[in-house]
Structure formats: C-alpha cells, structure tokens
N, C-alpha and C. Protein backbone atom coordinates (compact mmCIF):
# COMPACT_ATOMS: atom_id res chain seq x y z
N MET A 1 -11.66 62.73 37.44
CA MET A 1 -11.66 62.51 35.96
C MET A 1 -11.08 60.98 36.07
N LYS A 2 -11.78 60.34 34.78
CA LYS A 2 -11.34 59.05 34.60
C LYS A 2 -10.09 58.83 34.00
N SER A 3 -9.38 57.81 34.30
CA SER A 3 -7.94 57.77 33.47
C SER A 3 -8.26 57.33 32.08
N PHE A 4 -7.10 57.13 31.23
CA PHE A 4 -7.20 56.99 30.01
C PHE A 4 -7.71 55.45 29.71
N PHE A 5 -7.35 54.62 30.75
CA PHE A 5 -7.30 53.32 30.55
C PHE A 5 -9.01 52.98 30.68
N GLN A 6 -9.43 53.68 31.73
CA GLN A 6 -10.80 53.57 32.08
C GLN A 6 -11.67 53.85 31.10
N LEU A 7 -11.37 55.01 30.33
CA LEU A 7 -12.17 55.33 29.21
C LEU A 7 -12.12 54.45 28.06
N THR A 8 -10.84 53.79 27.76
CA THR A 8 -10.52 52.87 26.77
C THR A 8 -11.76 51.66 26.90
N THR A 9 -11.62 51.24 28.20
CA THR A 9 -12.29 50.11 28.55
C THR A 9 -13.68 50.32 28.36
N ILE A 10 -14.17 51.36 28.78
CA ILE A 10 -15.64 51.66 28.61
C ILE A 10 -16.15 51.85 27.16
N PHE A 11 -15.37 52.40 26.40
CA PHE A 11 -15.48 52.55 24.97
C PHE A 11 -15.52 51.15 24.20
N LEU A 12 -14.66 50.27 24.50
CA LEU A 12 -14.45 48.95 24.23
C LEU A 12 -15.91 48.05 24.38
N PHE A 13 -16.07 48.26 25.52
CA PHE A 13 -17.24 47.48 26.08
C PHE A 13 -18.49 47.94 25.52
N SER A 14 -18.68 49.04 25.25
CA SER A 14 -20.08 49.66 24.69
C SER A 14 -19.77 49.17 23.15
N PHE A 15 -18.73 49.21 22.43
CA PHE A 15 -18.53 48.72 20.92
C PHE A 15 -19.20 47.41 21.00
N LEU A 16 -18.48 46.79 22.00
CA LEU A 16 -18.87 45.24 21.84
C LEU A 16 -20.38 44.90 22.18
N MET A 17 -20.96 45.50 23.16
CA MET A 17 -22.24 45.41 23.49
C MET A 17 -23.13 45.93 22.33
N TYR A 18 -22.93 47.06 21.51
CA TYR A 18 -23.60 47.41 20.45
C TYR A 18 -23.51 46.36 19.36
N GLY A 19 -22.35 45.83 19.04
CA GLY A 19 -22.26 44.63 18.27
C GLY A 19 -23.01 43.61 18.26
N CYS A 20 -23.26 43.28 19.60
CA CYS A 20 -24.09 41.89 19.97
C CYS A 20 -25.45 42.24 19.81
N GLY A 21 -25.87 43.46 20.20
CA GLY A 21 -27.24 43.74 19.94
C GLY A 21 -27.65 43.98 18.53
N SER A 22 -26.86 44.33 17.68
CA SER A 22 -27.40 44.80 16.34
C SER A 22 -28.01 43.37 15.56
N THR A 23 -28.94 43.77 14.92
CA THR A 23 -29.56 42.56 14.13
C THR A 23 -29.32 42.96 12.65
N SER A 24 -28.67 44.10 12.32
CA SER A 24 -28.62 44.54 11.02
C SER A 24 -27.41 43.56 10.38
N GLU A 25 -26.58 43.22 11.11
CA GLU A 25 -25.43 42.34 10.56
C GLU A 25 -25.85 40.97 10.56
N GLU A 26 -25.23 40.09 9.20
CA GLU A 26 -25.47 38.90 9.09
C GLU A 26 -24.46 38.10 10.22
N ALA A 27 -25.21 36.87 10.62
CA ALA A 27 -24.22 36.11 11.62
C ALA A 27 -22.93 35.61 10.69
N TYR A 28 -21.73 35.52 11.12
CA TYR A 28 -20.65 35.05 10.61
C TYR A 28 -20.40 33.59 10.75
N PHE A 29 -20.22 32.94 9.90
CA PHE A 29 -19.84 31.56 9.94
C PHE A 29 -18.47 31.15 9.45
N PRO A 30 -17.46 30.22 9.72
CA PRO A 30 -16.24 30.13 9.28
C PRO A 30 -16.32 29.24 8.17
N LYS A 31 -15.66 29.74 6.88
CA LYS A 31 -15.42 29.01 5.79
C LYS A 31 -15.11 27.64 5.74
N PRO A 32 -15.81 26.65 5.04
CA PRO A 32 -15.21 25.29 5.07
C PRO A 32 -13.77 25.15 4.66
N ARG A 33 -12.93 24.21 5.15
CA ARG A 33 -11.73 24.02 4.73
C ARG A 33 -11.48 23.80 3.35
N GLY A 34 -10.75 24.42 2.79
CA GLY A 34 -10.68 24.30 1.15
C GLY A 34 -9.56 23.11 1.03
N PHE A 35 -9.54 22.46 -0.47
CA PHE A 35 -8.56 21.25 -0.71
C PHE A 35 -7.37 22.13 -1.38
N HIS A 36 -6.16 21.44 -1.44
CA HIS A 36 -5.07 22.20 -2.14
C HIS A 36 -5.22 21.89 -3.44
N ARG A 37 -4.67 23.21 -3.95
CA ARG A 37 -4.76 22.94 -5.65
C ARG A 37 -3.98 22.13 -6.44
N ILE A 38 -4.50 21.65 -7.32
CA ILE A 38 -3.45 20.53 -7.97
C ILE A 38 -3.35 20.87 -9.51
N ASP A 39 -2.01 20.95 -9.80
CA ASP A 39 -1.72 21.44 -11.14
C ASP A 39 -1.41 20.12 -11.99
N LEU A 40 -2.54 19.95 -12.84
CA LEU A 40 -2.43 18.78 -13.68
C LEU A 40 -1.64 19.10 -15.00
N PRO A 41 -0.79 18.07 -15.47
CA PRO A 41 0.09 18.38 -16.57
C PRO A 41 -0.84 18.13 -17.83
N ASN A 42 -0.38 18.35 -19.07
CA ASN A 42 -0.89 18.15 -20.34
C ASN A 42 -1.04 16.63 -20.56
N HIS A 43 -1.94 15.96 -21.17
CA HIS A 43 -1.58 14.55 -21.59
C HIS A 43 -0.82 14.59 -22.69
N GLU A 44 0.34 13.83 -22.38
CA GLU A 44 1.48 13.55 -23.66
C GLU A 44 1.85 12.32 -23.42
N TYR A 45 1.96 11.35 -24.47
CA TYR A 45 2.17 10.03 -24.55
C TYR A 45 3.42 9.65 -25.27
N SER A 46 4.12 8.53 -24.91
CA SER A 46 5.02 8.11 -25.74
C SER A 46 5.31 6.33 -25.15
N LYS A 47 6.16 5.74 -26.22
CA LYS A 47 6.44 4.29 -25.63
C LYS A 47 7.90 4.14 -25.46
N GLU A 48 8.61 5.29 -25.52
CA GLU A 48 9.86 5.39 -25.01
C GLU A 48 10.55 4.60 -24.11
N GLN A 49 9.79 4.43 -23.07
CA GLN A 49 10.34 3.93 -21.79
C GLN A 49 10.28 2.33 -22.02
N PHE A 50 9.90 1.95 -22.81
CA PHE A 50 9.78 0.08 -23.15
C PHE A 50 11.13 -0.14 -23.99
N ASN A 51 12.04 1.10 -24.29
CA ASN A 51 13.12 0.89 -24.88
C ASN A 51 14.10 0.57 -23.84
N LYS A 52 14.01 0.78 -22.63
CA LYS A 52 14.71 0.45 -21.52
C LYS A 52 15.33 -0.89 -21.27
N LYS A 53 16.57 -1.36 -20.92
CA LYS A 53 17.03 -2.27 -20.71
C LYS A 53 16.15 -3.38 -20.42
N ASP A 54 15.63 -2.97 -18.91
CA ASP A 54 14.74 -3.77 -18.09
C ASP A 54 13.59 -4.14 -18.50
N LEU A 55 12.99 -3.34 -19.59
CA LEU A 55 11.75 -3.51 -20.15
C LEU A 55 11.45 -3.80 -21.51
N LYS A 56 12.84 -3.98 -22.18
CA LYS A 56 12.99 -4.49 -23.73
C LYS A 56 12.43 -5.47 -24.00
N ASP A 57 12.60 -6.54 -23.25
CA ASP A 57 12.09 -7.93 -23.51
C ASP A 57 10.77 -8.37 -23.11
N TYR A 58 9.91 -7.29 -22.51
CA TYR A 58 8.57 -7.50 -21.90
C TYR A 58 7.65 -7.72 -23.21
N PRO A 59 6.69 -8.75 -22.85
CA PRO A 59 5.77 -9.18 -23.91
C PRO A 59 4.52 -8.12 -24.57
N TYR A 60 4.75 -7.03 -23.90
CA TYR A 60 3.46 -5.95 -24.18
C TYR A 60 4.31 -4.64 -24.20
N LEU A 61 3.70 -3.76 -24.82
CA LEU A 61 4.06 -2.27 -24.73
C LEU A 61 2.71 -1.50 -25.00
N PHE A 62 2.82 -0.21 -24.32
CA PHE A 62 1.57 0.86 -24.55
C PHE A 62 2.60 2.14 -24.38
N GLU A 63 1.48 3.22 -24.79
CA GLU A 63 1.81 4.52 -24.62
C GLU A 63 1.73 5.14 -23.33
N VAL A 64 2.65 5.55 -22.52
CA VAL A 64 2.63 5.94 -21.24
C VAL A 64 2.75 7.57 -21.18
N ALA A 65 2.15 7.92 -20.03
CA ALA A 65 1.97 9.40 -19.83
C ALA A 65 3.62 10.11 -19.60
N SER A 66 3.77 11.25 -20.14
CA SER A 66 5.04 11.79 -20.00
C SER A 66 5.57 11.91 -18.50
N ASN A 67 4.53 12.21 -17.89
CA ASN A 67 4.92 12.52 -16.26
C ASN A 67 4.83 11.26 -15.35
N ALA A 68 4.84 10.16 -15.98
CA ALA A 68 4.77 8.91 -15.21
C ALA A 68 6.14 8.09 -15.58
N VAL A 69 6.61 7.21 -14.56
CA VAL A 69 7.75 6.46 -14.89
C VAL A 69 7.27 4.92 -14.52
N ILE A 70 7.94 4.39 -15.54
CA ILE A 70 7.63 2.71 -15.29
C ILE A 70 8.79 2.02 -14.63
N ILE A 71 8.18 1.17 -13.60
CA ILE A 71 9.22 0.52 -12.53
C ILE A 71 8.73 -0.94 -12.43
N PRO A 72 9.85 -1.98 -12.64
CA PRO A 72 9.45 -3.28 -12.38
C PRO A 72 8.95 -3.62 -10.98
N ASP A 73 7.83 -4.24 -11.03
CA ASP A 73 7.27 -4.40 -9.59
C ASP A 73 8.14 -5.55 -8.90
N GLU A 74 8.84 -4.99 -7.73
CA GLU A 74 9.71 -5.82 -6.75
C GLU A 74 9.15 -6.24 -5.63
N SER A 75 7.83 -6.14 -5.51
CA SER A 75 7.03 -6.84 -4.17
C SER A 75 7.24 -8.34 -4.30
N PHE A 76 6.93 -8.78 -2.88
CA PHE A 76 6.95 -10.23 -2.69
C PHE A 76 6.23 -11.17 -3.54
N MET A 77 5.04 -10.56 -4.05
CA MET A 77 4.09 -11.18 -4.78
C MET A 77 4.22 -11.01 -6.23
N SER A 78 5.22 -10.16 -6.77
CA SER A 78 5.35 -9.97 -7.99
C SER A 78 5.72 -11.14 -8.85
N GLU A 79 5.39 -11.14 -10.19
CA GLU A 79 5.71 -12.41 -11.06
C GLU A 79 6.16 -11.66 -12.45
N PRO A 80 6.75 -12.36 -13.22
CA PRO A 80 7.53 -11.85 -14.32
C PRO A 80 6.66 -10.89 -15.20
N TYR A 81 7.24 -9.90 -15.46
CA TYR A 81 6.53 -8.71 -16.48
C TYR A 81 5.43 -8.14 -15.78
N TRP A 82 5.42 -8.01 -14.42
CA TRP A 82 4.71 -7.05 -13.71
C TRP A 82 5.34 -5.73 -13.43
N ILE A 83 4.64 -4.71 -13.50
CA ILE A 83 5.20 -3.39 -13.57
C ILE A 83 4.34 -2.27 -12.74
N GLU A 84 5.03 -1.37 -12.13
CA GLU A 84 4.18 -0.02 -11.55
C GLU A 84 4.37 1.09 -12.43
N VAL A 85 3.22 1.83 -12.87
CA VAL A 85 3.33 3.03 -13.58
C VAL A 85 3.05 4.18 -12.29
N ARG A 86 4.22 4.65 -12.16
CA ARG A 86 4.01 5.72 -10.98
C ARG A 86 4.10 7.01 -11.59
N TYR A 87 3.30 7.70 -10.71
CA TYR A 87 3.18 9.46 -10.93
C TYR A 87 3.72 10.17 -9.68
N PRO A 88 5.13 10.50 -9.72
CA PRO A 88 5.53 10.93 -8.44
C PRO A 88 4.73 12.55 -8.08
N SER A 89 4.57 13.20 -9.24
CA SER A 89 4.03 14.45 -8.68
C SER A 89 2.64 14.28 -8.42
N LEU A 90 1.64 13.40 -8.67
CA LEU A 90 0.30 13.08 -8.28
C LEU A 90 0.13 12.23 -7.41
N ASN A 91 1.20 11.43 -6.84
CA ASN A 91 1.18 10.32 -5.63
C ASN A 91 0.16 9.25 -6.26
N ALA A 92 0.28 8.82 -7.36
CA ALA A 92 -0.78 8.05 -7.99
C ALA A 92 0.08 6.69 -8.50
N ILE A 93 -0.36 5.41 -8.32
CA ILE A 93 0.25 4.10 -8.89
C ILE A 93 -0.36 3.51 -9.68
N ILE A 94 -0.34 3.10 -10.81
CA ILE A 94 -1.11 2.12 -11.58
C ILE A 94 -0.38 0.70 -11.55
N ASP A 95 -0.82 -0.27 -10.70
CA ASP A 95 -0.30 -1.79 -10.86
C ASP A 95 -0.81 -2.45 -11.75
N ILE A 96 0.14 -2.90 -12.52
CA ILE A 96 0.01 -3.85 -13.67
C ILE A 96 0.71 -5.21 -13.45
N SER A 97 -0.20 -6.34 -13.76
CA SER A 97 0.15 -7.59 -13.86
C SER A 97 -0.16 -8.16 -15.31
N TYR A 98 0.50 -9.40 -15.29
CA TYR A 98 0.45 -9.77 -16.92
C TYR A 98 0.75 -11.33 -16.65
N LYS A 99 -0.28 -12.11 -17.27
CA LYS A 99 -0.35 -13.68 -17.50
C LYS A 99 -0.12 -14.08 -18.85
N ASN A 100 0.53 -15.15 -18.99
CA ASN A 100 0.45 -15.81 -20.34
C ASN A 100 -0.70 -16.81 -20.22
N LEU A 101 -1.35 -17.06 -21.29
CA LEU A 101 -2.44 -18.10 -21.32
C LEU A 101 -1.94 -19.51 -21.91
N PRO A 102 -1.85 -20.60 -21.28
CA PRO A 102 -1.39 -21.85 -21.57
C PRO A 102 -2.64 -22.39 -22.27
N ASN A 103 -3.58 -22.16 -21.86
CA ASN A 103 -5.22 -22.71 -22.18
C ASN A 103 -6.31 -21.85 -22.01
N TYR A 104 -7.54 -22.26 -22.33
CA TYR A 104 -8.53 -21.56 -22.13
C TYR A 104 -9.07 -21.40 -20.74
N ASP A 105 -8.72 -22.73 -19.97
CA ASP A 105 -9.07 -22.72 -18.35
C ASP A 105 -8.35 -21.81 -17.76
N SER A 106 -7.25 -21.39 -18.11
CA SER A 106 -6.24 -20.34 -17.38
C SER A 106 -7.12 -19.03 -17.72
N LEU A 107 -7.60 -18.71 -18.96
CA LEU A 107 -8.17 -17.56 -19.11
C LEU A 107 -9.26 -17.06 -17.97
N VAL A 108 -10.22 -18.26 -17.91
CA VAL A 108 -11.43 -18.00 -17.22
C VAL A 108 -11.12 -18.04 -15.66
N GLY A 109 -9.94 -18.58 -15.25
CA GLY A 109 -9.38 -18.62 -13.94
C GLY A 109 -8.97 -17.16 -13.56
N TYR A 110 -8.26 -16.44 -14.47
CA TYR A 110 -7.76 -15.05 -14.62
C TYR A 110 -8.69 -13.99 -14.51
N ILE A 111 -9.97 -14.28 -15.26
CA ILE A 111 -10.98 -13.32 -15.44
C ILE A 111 -11.75 -13.49 -13.97
N ASN A 112 -11.96 -14.63 -13.44
CA ASN A 112 -12.59 -14.93 -12.04
C ASN A 112 -11.72 -14.02 -10.87
N THR A 113 -10.38 -14.42 -11.18
CA THR A 113 -9.49 -13.51 -10.32
C THR A 113 -9.53 -12.13 -10.47
N SER A 114 -9.73 -11.83 -11.46
CA SER A 114 -9.75 -10.09 -11.62
C SER A 114 -11.07 -9.75 -10.96
N ASN A 115 -12.09 -10.39 -11.20
CA ASN A 115 -13.44 -9.97 -10.76
C ASN A 115 -13.47 -10.01 -9.10
N THR A 116 -12.80 -11.16 -8.48
CA THR A 116 -12.73 -11.26 -7.23
C THR A 116 -11.98 -10.09 -6.62
N LEU A 117 -10.96 -9.59 -7.19
CA LEU A 117 -9.86 -8.51 -6.65
C LEU A 117 -10.80 -7.18 -6.81
N THR A 118 -11.53 -6.93 -7.81
CA THR A 118 -12.27 -5.83 -7.95
C THR A 118 -13.60 -5.77 -7.01
N PHE A 119 -14.37 -6.70 -6.93
CA PHE A 119 -15.41 -7.00 -5.89
C PHE A 119 -15.05 -6.84 -4.56
N LYS A 120 -13.79 -7.06 -4.12
CA LYS A 120 -13.48 -6.96 -2.72
C LYS A 120 -13.51 -5.54 -2.22
N HIS A 121 -13.69 -4.63 -3.04
CA HIS A 121 -14.04 -3.15 -2.72
C HIS A 121 -15.66 -2.97 -2.51
N ASP A 122 -16.40 -4.09 -2.61
CA ASP A 122 -17.75 -4.00 -2.64
C ASP A 122 -18.21 -3.43 -1.01
N VAL A 123 -17.50 -3.67 -0.09
CA VAL A 123 -17.81 -3.50 1.21
C VAL A 123 -17.78 -1.96 1.37
N ARG A 124 -16.57 -1.20 0.92
CA ARG A 124 -16.91 0.12 0.91
C ARG A 124 -17.15 0.92 -0.20
N ALA A 125 -17.59 0.37 -1.43
CA ALA A 125 -17.79 0.90 -2.61
C ALA A 125 -19.27 1.34 -2.66
N SER A 126 -19.76 2.57 -2.87
CA SER A 126 -21.08 2.98 -3.31
C SER A 126 -21.86 2.50 -4.59
N ALA A 127 -20.76 2.15 -5.56
CA ALA A 127 -21.35 1.68 -6.83
C ALA A 127 -20.12 1.13 -7.55
N ILE A 128 -20.10 -0.04 -8.35
CA ILE A 128 -19.04 -0.81 -8.97
C ILE A 128 -19.92 -1.01 -10.48
N ASP A 129 -19.28 -0.09 -11.53
CA ASP A 129 -20.05 -0.19 -12.96
C ASP A 129 -18.97 -1.12 -13.84
N GLU A 130 -19.44 -1.85 -14.34
CA GLU A 130 -18.49 -2.77 -15.17
C GLU A 130 -18.88 -2.56 -16.74
N TYR A 131 -17.89 -2.58 -17.42
CA TYR A 131 -18.13 -2.29 -19.03
C TYR A 131 -17.33 -3.21 -19.71
N ALA A 132 -17.75 -3.86 -20.75
CA ALA A 132 -17.11 -4.69 -21.59
C ALA A 132 -16.84 -4.06 -22.78
N THR A 133 -15.85 -4.10 -23.50
CA THR A 133 -15.58 -3.38 -24.73
C THR A 133 -14.40 -3.95 -25.44
N LYS A 134 -13.97 -3.45 -26.63
CA LYS A 134 -12.71 -3.64 -27.43
C LYS A 134 -12.00 -2.55 -27.62
N THR A 135 -10.70 -2.80 -27.55
CA THR A 135 -9.72 -1.86 -27.60
C THR A 135 -9.69 -1.39 -29.05
N GLU A 136 -9.09 -0.30 -29.21
CA GLU A 136 -8.93 0.04 -30.45
C GLU A 136 -8.02 -0.85 -31.58
N LYS A 137 -7.25 -1.89 -30.91
CA LYS A 137 -6.58 -2.71 -31.62
C LYS A 137 -7.19 -4.01 -31.86
N GLY A 138 -8.52 -3.98 -31.29
CA GLY A 138 -9.34 -5.24 -31.38
C GLY A 138 -9.35 -5.98 -30.23
N TYR A 139 -8.77 -5.93 -29.06
CA TYR A 139 -8.67 -6.88 -27.93
C TYR A 139 -9.80 -6.67 -27.31
N SER A 140 -10.39 -7.89 -26.48
CA SER A 140 -11.35 -7.57 -25.76
C SER A 140 -11.01 -7.06 -24.23
N ALA A 141 -11.89 -6.37 -23.78
CA ALA A 141 -11.16 -5.63 -22.42
C ALA A 141 -12.54 -5.24 -21.70
N VAL A 142 -12.43 -5.28 -20.27
CA VAL A 142 -13.47 -5.21 -19.44
C VAL A 142 -13.01 -4.00 -18.46
N MET A 143 -13.66 -2.82 -18.26
CA MET A 143 -13.39 -1.78 -17.25
C MET A 143 -14.23 -1.74 -16.08
N TYR A 144 -13.66 -1.43 -14.95
CA TYR A 144 -14.24 -1.40 -13.69
C TYR A 144 -14.40 0.00 -13.04
N GLU A 145 -15.51 1.00 -12.99
CA GLU A 145 -15.45 2.00 -12.04
C GLU A 145 -15.91 1.67 -10.85
N ILE A 146 -15.07 2.45 -9.73
CA ILE A 146 -15.75 2.04 -8.44
C ILE A 146 -15.68 3.36 -7.71
N GLU A 147 -17.07 3.55 -7.10
CA GLU A 147 -17.15 4.80 -6.74
C GLU A 147 -17.14 4.64 -4.88
N GLY A 148 -16.97 5.54 -4.55
CA GLY A 148 -17.00 5.54 -2.96
C GLY A 148 -15.42 5.81 -2.37
N ASP A 149 -15.45 5.99 -1.06
CA ASP A 149 -14.06 5.86 -0.48
C ASP A 149 -13.28 4.58 -0.56
N VAL A 150 -12.91 4.38 -1.58
CA VAL A 150 -12.28 2.95 -1.78
C VAL A 150 -10.69 3.28 -2.37
N PRO A 151 -9.70 2.05 -1.85
CA PRO A 151 -8.39 2.21 -2.48
C PRO A 151 -8.27 2.26 -3.83
N SER A 152 -9.03 1.59 -4.80
CA SER A 152 -8.82 1.53 -6.13
C SER A 152 -10.03 2.22 -6.77
N GLN A 153 -9.79 3.09 -7.79
CA GLN A 153 -11.06 3.83 -8.40
C GLN A 153 -11.24 3.07 -9.68
N PHE A 154 -10.37 2.80 -10.35
CA PHE A 154 -10.47 2.34 -11.66
C PHE A 154 -9.45 1.40 -12.21
N GLN A 155 -10.11 0.09 -12.73
CA GLN A 155 -9.47 -0.87 -12.99
C GLN A 155 -9.71 -1.38 -14.40
N PHE A 156 -9.04 -2.16 -15.18
CA PHE A 156 -9.30 -3.15 -16.50
C PHE A 156 -8.57 -4.23 -16.82
N PHE A 157 -9.16 -4.96 -17.53
CA PHE A 157 -8.11 -6.10 -17.88
C PHE A 157 -8.45 -6.26 -19.75
N VAL A 158 -7.41 -6.51 -20.25
CA VAL A 158 -7.21 -6.67 -21.81
C VAL A 158 -6.53 -8.12 -22.04
N THR A 159 -7.20 -8.93 -22.86
CA THR A 159 -6.84 -10.09 -23.55
C THR A 159 -7.16 -10.31 -24.85
N ASP A 160 -6.16 -11.12 -25.42
CA ASP A 160 -6.59 -11.58 -26.84
C ASP A 160 -7.06 -12.87 -26.91
N SER A 161 -7.36 -13.60 -25.50
CA SER A 161 -8.08 -14.67 -25.49
C SER A 161 -7.47 -16.24 -25.71
N THR A 162 -6.21 -15.92 -26.34
CA THR A 162 -5.17 -17.11 -26.62
C THR A 162 -3.80 -17.09 -26.09
N GLN A 163 -3.34 -15.97 -25.85
CA GLN A 163 -1.89 -16.00 -25.24
C GLN A 163 -1.76 -14.95 -23.97
N HIS A 164 -2.29 -13.84 -24.02
CA HIS A 164 -2.01 -12.75 -23.20
C HIS A 164 -3.38 -12.46 -22.29
N PHE A 165 -2.96 -12.00 -20.86
CA PHE A 165 -3.83 -11.45 -20.14
C PHE A 165 -3.10 -10.31 -19.28
N PHE A 166 -3.79 -8.96 -19.31
CA PHE A 166 -3.04 -7.78 -18.93
C PHE A 166 -4.03 -7.22 -17.99
N ARG A 167 -3.54 -6.75 -16.69
CA ARG A 167 -4.63 -6.27 -15.80
C ARG A 167 -3.84 -4.95 -15.40
N ALA A 168 -4.76 -3.80 -15.26
CA ALA A 168 -4.24 -2.59 -14.52
C ALA A 168 -5.26 -1.93 -13.46
N ALA A 169 -4.79 -1.54 -12.14
CA ALA A 169 -5.41 -1.04 -11.28
C ALA A 169 -4.73 0.34 -10.78
N LEU A 170 -5.60 1.27 -10.52
CA LEU A 170 -5.34 2.59 -10.05
C LEU A 170 -5.31 2.61 -8.57
N TYR A 171 -4.06 3.16 -7.88
CA TYR A 171 -4.31 3.33 -6.61
C TYR A 171 -3.65 4.60 -6.17
N PHE A 172 -3.99 5.09 -4.90
CA PHE A 172 -3.47 6.25 -4.27
C PHE A 172 -2.80 5.87 -2.86
N PRO A 173 -1.58 5.97 -2.77
CA PRO A 173 -1.08 5.43 -1.35
C PRO A 173 -1.09 6.52 -0.25
N THR A 174 -2.28 6.81 -0.24
CA THR A 174 -2.65 8.31 0.68
C THR A 174 -3.73 8.10 1.33
N SER A 175 -4.14 8.92 2.68
CA SER A 175 -5.43 8.78 3.38
C SER A 175 -6.22 9.75 2.91
N THR A 176 -6.13 10.75 2.03
CA THR A 176 -6.97 11.54 1.34
C THR A 176 -7.87 10.97 0.81
N GLN A 177 -9.24 11.94 1.12
CA GLN A 177 -10.55 11.20 0.77
C GLN A 177 -10.68 11.30 -0.84
N ASN A 178 -11.41 10.62 -1.35
CA ASN A 178 -11.61 10.40 -2.90
C ASN A 178 -12.21 11.74 -3.56
N ASP A 179 -13.02 12.13 -2.75
CA ASP A 179 -13.73 13.37 -3.26
C ASP A 179 -12.70 14.62 -3.57
N SER A 180 -11.67 14.54 -2.88
CA SER A 180 -10.71 15.66 -3.05
C SER A 180 -9.68 15.37 -4.11
N LEU A 181 -9.66 13.99 -4.49
CA LEU A 181 -8.90 13.45 -5.32
C LEU A 181 -9.49 13.34 -6.70
N ALA A 182 -10.63 13.67 -6.80
CA ALA A 182 -11.52 13.53 -7.99
C ALA A 182 -10.78 13.86 -9.36
N PRO A 183 -10.26 15.29 -9.27
CA PRO A 183 -9.52 15.76 -10.53
C PRO A 183 -8.74 14.91 -10.98
N VAL A 184 -7.73 14.35 -9.92
CA VAL A 184 -6.49 13.45 -10.30
C VAL A 184 -6.83 12.22 -11.03
N ILE A 185 -7.99 11.56 -10.20
CA ILE A 185 -8.44 10.29 -10.67
C ILE A 185 -9.04 10.37 -12.18
N GLU A 186 -9.80 11.42 -12.46
CA GLU A 186 -10.25 11.82 -14.07
C GLU A 186 -9.05 11.88 -14.60
N HIS A 187 -8.13 12.34 -14.13
CA HIS A 187 -7.02 12.76 -15.22
C HIS A 187 -6.20 11.30 -15.43
N VAL A 188 -5.99 10.70 -14.29
CA VAL A 188 -5.11 9.33 -14.60
C VAL A 188 -6.01 8.26 -15.18
N LYS A 189 -7.36 8.22 -15.07
CA LYS A 189 -8.23 7.67 -15.58
C LYS A 189 -8.14 7.67 -17.24
N LYS A 190 -7.93 9.01 -17.66
CA LYS A 190 -7.82 9.26 -19.03
C LYS A 190 -6.45 8.67 -19.46
N ASP A 191 -5.49 8.69 -18.74
CA ASP A 191 -4.24 7.97 -19.23
C ASP A 191 -4.26 6.68 -19.26
N MET A 192 -5.17 6.06 -18.40
CA MET A 192 -5.47 4.74 -18.30
C MET A 192 -6.14 4.20 -19.65
N LEU A 193 -6.98 5.08 -20.05
CA LEU A 193 -7.87 4.55 -21.38
C LEU A 193 -7.02 4.50 -22.60
N HIS A 194 -5.89 5.70 -22.37
CA HIS A 194 -5.01 5.65 -23.50
C HIS A 194 -4.08 4.40 -23.46
N MET A 195 -3.67 4.12 -22.40
CA MET A 195 -2.95 2.93 -22.09
C MET A 195 -3.65 1.62 -22.83
N MET A 196 -4.85 1.75 -22.39
CA MET A 196 -5.57 0.27 -22.80
C MET A 196 -5.76 0.18 -24.38
N ASN A 197 -6.03 1.23 -24.93
CA ASN A 197 -6.29 1.64 -26.34
C ASN A 197 -4.96 1.39 -27.10
N THR A 198 -3.83 1.72 -26.63
CA THR A 198 -2.41 1.52 -27.23
C THR A 198 -1.72 0.33 -26.92
N LEU A 199 -2.25 -0.55 -26.01
CA LEU A 199 -1.75 -1.91 -25.73
C LEU A 199 -1.53 -2.85 -26.66
N ASP A 200 -0.39 -3.30 -27.02
CA ASP A 200 -0.28 -4.58 -27.81
C ASP A 200 0.81 -5.34 -27.53
N TRP A 201 1.02 -6.50 -28.21
CA TRP A 201 1.72 -7.55 -27.70
C TRP A 201 2.83 -7.54 -28.55
N LYS A 202 4.09 -7.79 -28.05
CA LYS A 202 5.28 -7.89 -28.61
C LYS A 202 5.45 -9.18 -29.24
N LYS A 203 5.06 -10.31 -28.68
CA LYS A 203 5.48 -11.67 -29.36
C LYS A 203 4.33 -12.54 -28.99
C-alpha cells in the first residue's frame, strides 16, 4: 500500500500534467504594471498670497491655485521678483521669471531667450506647438506645448511690450515618465492658463 505522501505526489503530478495538456483554458499573461492613482483637487484660485510681506512689493500679481504655494526663487541664478509656484501634493513646480523692459531691444532679447530655452527641449521632444494669443486683460502672450519625455511640458510668456516681461515654465522634479503624469500636467496647465489670464501689473 502506497503511503499518503506517495498518493499525494501522484495526485498533484497528474493534476499538473492535465493542466499542461488542456487546450480549453486561455493562456495566462501577467497584467501590465498600473500607475498610482492621483487624486486631483478642485480648481480654486485667489490673489491672497501676494499680500504676504515678501511678495507685497512685486510688480505683478495673478490668481494662484489654492493647493499651491508661492516661494521667492532663491537659486543662484535668480533675479529680483523671480518666484516658484510649488504644488507639494503633486510634486510640480512652475518657475516664474520677470524682467523690466528698459527699451524695445530688451523685449526682442527676452523673447529670443525665451524661445531658446523652450527649443532646447527639441532634442527629446516629439513636438513643440507654439500659440500666440492675447490674455483676458489684453496683454500679448505666447504659449508652448511640448510633447514627449521632456522636463518641461508647458510654458508661456506675457508682456505689455513696454515695461513688463513675465515667463512661466512647468517642471516636475521626478523621474516619472510624462505619460503617467498626463492627468497632473493637464491639471496644472489649466491653472497656468488661469494664471496667464489673471496676470496684471501693479506698477
């Protein structure tokens, strides 16, 4: 009489052999790895942050998303009135630079510099779309949508052509691929469009 262990082994072996020989079952393929779910907040805006002491004397203001924080840019390259709009919950940063326009030549120079910075992404970008428009307050603006696995996916500049030049660029300080960040990119892009259309000069 066979031992219980021998009978169990024979049973398992027979079961496996039957499973391997069956053609009625579909082959199993592992599911592709999914992306983490991202809960996006509602779009709510205010200008209250520009009442803070360190931002009060800035020459511009705009409505910023309620889940974002404005921080003066303290990098070694920063200039007066440069800021970062940070989204702690989304790991996104909007870099903002500002230039006063002493003359027309300086406007041309800043536009050329802005184009150079944008088209540096051309090496990795699959497309760069450029749109010229007017903001709701009547200022000239140019937007850039950059497709592909690039560090900055949306940028714009706004100017009154006589005194002020304002530039904004979206960045994600992460190695996560842009296709998985697409919902966040679209969410922050909507905030940036609102920023652009509510932008005004204080002086």
